[in-house]
Amino acid sequence: MPEAKATDLLFEVFKNCVDNIIKALPPNMDPNDATAMSAIRIIASQTNNDYKRLQHVVETIQARICEDAVWASGTAVSVYELLAASIDPKISHPDIQTIAVTGSLLVQDQMMRACQTQFHQTIPTSNWSRGLVAFLGQTCTVGNMTSTTPNITLDILDRMLGSDSLTKNENFDIFVGFFMCAGPFLDGLGYGDELAMRVEKLMDLSKSLGTTQWLAVYGLLQLRKKGWQMEEEDVAK
C-alpha cells in the first residue's frame, strides 16, 4: 500500500507539472524558442516510459486546444511536434494489439484518437469547438508528425456538411475556416475531384443560406479558382 500511495503521489506531481507547463506556453509560440523546447523535453523525459502519463499529456494539450482557438492555431502543432521528437522511442501502448506503435508514432496515434473522439462529440452540438476545428485545419499539411490524411480531411468535411448544426451560431464560420485549410491541402495532393463533390454539395446548401453565409461560400469558390492565393488587399484585411 505505501508503494501504491507513493506512485499515486508521483503521478499527481507529474500531472501538476504538465498542466502548469502547457498552461504557460503562449499562443503563436516559436518552436525554436529554447525555453519552450526545454519545457516540452521536461514533459517527455518525465513520462518515464509510462503510457498513462503520456495519455495525460495528450488530454492536457487537447483541453487547451478546445479552450483556446488562437493557441490551437499556432502553438499546439509545435507542442506535439516537439513532444514526438523528444519522447522515449520505446514507450508503448499496454494493449498487446498496438504494442508495435511506439515512440513518436504513439504520440501521433493518441493525438489522432483524441481528435476523432472530440470531433464526433462536438459535431452534433449547436456550438462547435472552434479551437478543435482550427487545430484540425492546422493538420492539413504534408510530412509532419501532426499531418493528417486526405481521407480523414474528406470525412471531416462530409460530417460538417451533413450536420444539422452547420448553420447554427458560429458553426458555419468555423466550417469556412477549416475549408480554407482543407481546400489547398486536398487540391495539392490530387484530390481535386473529391473536393469538387463537396463543393457541389456546398453550392446546393448555399441556396438556403443567409446573405452573409452565401457570400462566404462565394468567397471560397473564388479563392479556389485563384489557386487558393489570396490577393494583397484580402490579406491586409
Protein backbone atom coordinates (compact mmCIF):
# COMPACT_ATOMS: atom_id res chain seq x y z
CA MET A 1 0.00 0.00 0.00
CA PRO A 2 2.74 2.57 0.83
CA GLU A 3 4.31 1.89 -2.57
CA ALA A 4 0.97 2.43 -4.29
CA LYS A 5 0.43 5.71 -2.44
CA ALA A 6 3.90 6.88 -3.41
CA THR A 7 3.16 6.05 -7.07
CA ASP A 8 -0.11 7.97 -6.91
CA LEU A 9 1.65 10.94 -5.34
CA LEU A 10 4.33 10.98 -8.03
CA PHE A 11 1.67 10.83 -10.73
CA GLU A 12 -0.15 13.81 -9.19
CA VAL A 13 3.12 15.76 -9.12
CA PHE A 14 3.67 14.87 -12.79
CA LYS A 15 0.13 15.97 -13.70
CA ASN A 16 0.58 19.32 -11.98
CA CYS A 17 3.89 19.83 -13.77
CA VAL A 18 2.35 19.08 -17.18
CA ASP A 19 -0.72 21.24 -16.52
CA ASN A 20 1.42 24.22 -15.50
CA ILE A 21 3.81 23.91 -18.44
CA ILE A 22 1.06 23.59 -21.07
CA LYS A 23 -0.90 26.44 -19.49
CA ALA A 24 2.17 28.69 -19.57
CA LEU A 25 3.00 28.17 -23.25
CA PRO A 26 1.91 31.30 -25.17
CA PRO A 27 -0.10 31.46 -28.40
CA ASN A 28 2.00 31.52 -31.57
CA MET A 29 4.96 30.06 -29.70
CA ASP A 30 8.24 29.97 -31.59
CA PRO A 31 9.06 26.23 -31.89
CA ASN A 32 12.75 27.14 -31.82
CA ASP A 33 12.45 29.03 -28.55
CA ALA A 34 14.94 27.45 -26.13
CA THR A 35 12.66 27.81 -23.10
CA ALA A 36 9.72 26.19 -24.86
CA MET A 37 11.84 23.36 -26.21
CA SER A 38 13.26 22.72 -22.75
CA ALA A 39 9.76 22.68 -21.21
CA ILE A 40 8.46 20.07 -23.66
CA ARG A 41 11.59 17.98 -23.23
CA ILE A 42 10.99 18.01 -19.47
CA ILE A 43 7.50 16.65 -20.04
CA ALA A 44 8.80 13.99 -22.42
CA SER A 45 11.54 12.88 -20.05
CA GLN A 46 9.15 12.71 -17.10
CA THR A 47 6.75 10.35 -18.87
CA ASN A 48 9.18 7.64 -17.73
CA ASN A 49 8.08 5.27 -20.48
CA ASP A 50 4.63 5.26 -18.88
CA TYR A 51 1.62 5.18 -21.24
CA LYS A 52 -0.69 6.56 -18.52
CA ARG A 53 1.49 9.65 -18.24
CA LEU A 54 1.57 10.18 -22.00
CA GLN A 55 -2.21 9.86 -22.04
CA HIS A 56 -2.48 12.68 -19.50
CA VAL A 57 -0.15 14.87 -21.58
CA VAL A 58 -2.33 14.41 -24.65
CA GLU A 59 -5.50 15.07 -22.65
CA THR A 60 -3.99 18.29 -21.29
CA ILE A 61 -2.93 19.51 -24.74
CA GLN A 62 -6.35 18.69 -26.18
CA ALA A 63 -8.10 20.54 -23.35
CA ARG A 64 -6.03 23.66 -24.08
CA ILE A 65 -6.80 23.27 -27.79
CA CYS A 66 -10.54 23.22 -27.12
CA GLU A 67 -10.49 26.24 -24.84
CA ASP A 68 -8.12 28.50 -26.82
CA ALA A 69 -8.57 28.74 -30.60
CA VAL A 70 -5.56 31.03 -31.03
CA TRP A 71 -3.32 28.59 -29.16
CA ALA A 72 -4.80 25.74 -31.20
CA SER A 73 -3.99 27.51 -34.47
CA GLY A 74 -0.35 28.09 -33.62
CA THR A 75 1.29 26.59 -30.57
CA ALA A 76 -0.48 23.22 -30.44
CA VAL A 77 1.16 21.80 -33.56
CA SER A 78 4.60 22.85 -32.32
CA VAL A 79 3.96 21.25 -28.92
CA TYR A 80 3.02 17.93 -30.49
CA GLU A 81 5.97 18.02 -32.88
CA LEU A 82 8.41 18.74 -30.06
CA LEU A 83 6.83 16.09 -27.85
CA ALA A 84 7.09 13.45 -30.57
CA ALA A 85 10.71 14.35 -31.24
CA SER A 86 11.61 14.16 -27.54
CA ILE A 87 9.59 11.15 -26.35
CA ASP A 88 11.30 7.88 -25.46
CA PRO A 89 11.20 5.78 -28.67
CA LYS A 90 10.45 2.70 -26.55
CA ILE A 91 7.27 4.00 -24.91
CA SER A 92 4.35 1.80 -25.98
CA HIS A 93 0.65 1.12 -25.51
CA PRO A 94 -0.25 -1.52 -22.90
CA ASP A 95 -2.65 -3.15 -25.35
CA ILE A 96 -0.91 -6.09 -26.99
CA GLN A 97 -2.66 -5.31 -30.30
CA THR A 98 -0.99 -1.91 -30.54
CA ILE A 99 2.31 -2.81 -28.91
CA ALA A 100 4.18 -2.13 -32.17
CA VAL A 101 3.08 1.53 -32.05
CA THR A 102 5.86 3.17 -30.06
CA GLY A 103 7.59 6.49 -29.52
CA SER A 104 6.57 9.32 -31.87
CA LEU A 105 4.06 7.04 -33.62
CA LEU A 106 2.31 6.50 -30.30
CA VAL A 107 2.13 10.26 -29.76
CA GLN A 108 0.59 10.61 -33.23
CA ASP A 109 -1.82 7.75 -32.59
CA GLN A 110 -3.03 9.21 -29.29
CA MET A 111 -3.39 12.68 -30.79
CA MET A 112 -5.47 11.37 -33.70
CA ARG A 113 -7.66 9.25 -31.43
CA ALA A 114 -8.31 12.19 -29.11
CA CYS A 115 -9.14 14.50 -32.02
CA GLN A 116 -11.52 11.94 -33.52
CA THR A 117 -13.36 11.47 -30.23
CA GLN A 118 -13.68 15.19 -29.58
CA PHE A 119 -14.74 15.92 -33.16
CA HIS A 120 -17.51 13.32 -33.01
CA GLN A 121 -18.64 14.88 -29.73
CA THR A 122 -18.71 18.46 -31.00
CA ILE A 123 -20.25 17.96 -34.45
CA PRO A 124 -23.86 17.32 -33.25
CA THR A 125 -23.82 20.35 -30.94
CA SER A 126 -25.03 23.84 -31.74
CA ASN A 127 -21.67 25.31 -30.71
CA TRP A 128 -18.72 23.53 -32.31
CA SER A 129 -15.31 23.76 -30.68
CA ARG A 130 -13.57 26.48 -32.65
CA GLY A 131 -10.21 25.52 -31.17
CA LEU A 132 -10.53 21.84 -32.07
CA VAL A 133 -11.58 22.52 -35.67
CA ALA A 134 -8.85 25.15 -36.01
CA PHE A 135 -6.30 22.57 -34.90
CA LEU A 136 -7.68 20.03 -37.35
CA GLY A 137 -7.17 22.64 -40.04
CA GLN A 138 -3.53 23.01 -38.98
CA THR A 139 -3.04 19.26 -39.52
CA CYS A 140 -3.75 19.71 -43.24
CA THR A 141 -0.04 19.55 -44.04
CA VAL A 142 2.39 17.05 -45.55
CA GLY A 143 5.41 15.44 -43.91
CA ASN A 144 4.87 16.41 -40.29
CA MET A 145 4.08 14.20 -37.31
CA THR A 146 0.79 16.05 -36.97
CA SER A 147 -0.08 15.76 -40.68
CA THR A 148 -3.48 14.27 -41.41
CA THR A 149 -4.55 12.26 -44.47
CA PRO A 150 -6.79 13.26 -47.40
CA ASN A 151 -9.39 10.66 -46.43
CA ILE A 152 -9.64 11.96 -42.87
CA THR A 153 -9.97 15.50 -44.20
CA LEU A 154 -12.74 14.48 -46.60
CA ASP A 155 -14.53 12.68 -43.79
CA ILE A 156 -14.40 15.82 -41.64
CA LEU A 157 -15.86 17.87 -44.49
CA ASP A 158 -18.61 15.30 -45.04
CA ARG A 159 -19.57 15.26 -41.37
CA MET A 160 -19.65 19.06 -41.23
CA LEU A 161 -21.70 19.41 -44.39
CA GLY A 162 -24.09 16.70 -43.21
CA SER A 163 -24.54 18.12 -39.73
CA ASP A 164 -27.87 19.65 -38.75
CA SER A 165 -25.85 22.13 -36.70
CA LEU A 166 -23.80 23.53 -39.60
CA THR A 167 -25.66 26.84 -39.77
CA LYS A 168 -26.19 27.30 -36.03
CA ASN A 169 -24.44 30.10 -34.15
CA GLU A 170 -20.79 30.35 -35.29
CA ASN A 171 -20.54 26.86 -36.77
CA PHE A 172 -20.61 27.96 -40.40
CA ASP A 173 -17.80 30.41 -39.80
CA ILE A 174 -15.81 27.60 -38.16
CA PHE A 175 -16.52 25.40 -41.19
CA VAL A 176 -15.28 28.09 -43.59
CA GLY A 177 -12.05 28.38 -41.62
CA PHE A 178 -11.46 24.64 -41.90
CA PHE A 179 -12.34 24.61 -45.60
CA MET A 180 -9.69 27.25 -46.28
CA CYS A 181 -7.09 24.85 -44.87
CA ALA A 182 -8.56 21.64 -46.30
CA GLY A 183 -9.10 23.01 -49.83
CA PRO A 184 -5.49 23.72 -50.84
CA PHE A 185 -4.37 20.58 -48.97
CA LEU A 186 -6.69 18.32 -50.99
CA ASP A 187 -6.12 20.07 -54.31
CA GLY A 188 -2.37 19.96 -53.77
CA LEU A 189 -2.43 16.19 -53.23
CA GLY A 190 -4.50 15.44 -56.32
CA TYR A 191 -7.88 15.11 -54.61
CA GLY A 192 -9.48 17.86 -56.66
CA ASP A 193 -12.34 15.67 -57.94
CA GLU A 194 -13.22 14.54 -54.43
CA LEU A 195 -13.13 18.14 -53.22
CA ALA A 196 -15.30 19.20 -56.18
CA MET A 197 -18.02 16.82 -54.95
CA ARG A 198 -18.04 18.57 -51.58
CA VAL A 199 -18.02 21.97 -53.28
CA GLU A 200 -21.09 20.95 -55.28
CA LYS A 201 -22.85 19.94 -52.08
CA LEU A 202 -21.86 23.25 -50.53
CA MET A 203 -23.26 25.15 -53.50
CA ASP A 204 -26.58 23.33 -53.18
CA LEU A 205 -26.62 24.15 -49.49
CA SER A 206 -25.83 27.81 -50.15
CA LYS A 207 -29.21 28.29 -51.84
CA SER A 208 -30.89 28.20 -48.45
CA LEU A 209 -28.28 30.25 -46.58
CA GLY A 210 -28.42 33.84 -45.46
CA THR A 211 -26.60 36.61 -47.34
CA THR A 212 -23.50 36.60 -45.13
CA GLN A 213 -23.08 32.84 -45.36
CA TRP A 214 -23.75 32.85 -49.10
CA LEU A 215 -21.04 35.46 -49.58
CA ALA A 216 -18.64 33.28 -47.58
CA VAL A 217 -19.34 30.37 -49.93
CA TYR A 218 -18.84 32.62 -52.95
CA GLY A 219 -15.53 33.76 -51.48
CA LEU A 220 -14.37 30.16 -51.07
CA LEU A 221 -15.25 29.34 -54.67
CA GLN A 222 -13.39 32.39 -55.95
CA LEU A 223 -10.40 31.59 -53.78
CA ARG A 224 -10.22 28.09 -55.23
CA LYS A 225 -10.38 29.46 -58.77
CA LYS A 226 -7.33 31.59 -57.92
CA GLY A 227 -5.44 28.52 -56.75
CA TRP A 228 -6.03 29.44 -53.09
CA GLN A 229 -3.84 32.53 -53.48
CA MET A 230 -5.25 35.47 -51.57
CA GLU A 231 -4.77 38.89 -53.10
CA GLU A 232 -2.81 41.51 -51.15
CA GLU A 233 -5.87 43.57 -50.27
CA ASP A 234 -7.56 40.45 -48.85
CA VAL A 235 -4.54 39.69 -46.68
CA ALA A 236 -4.42 43.29 -45.49
CA LYS A 237 -7.98 42.98 -44.21
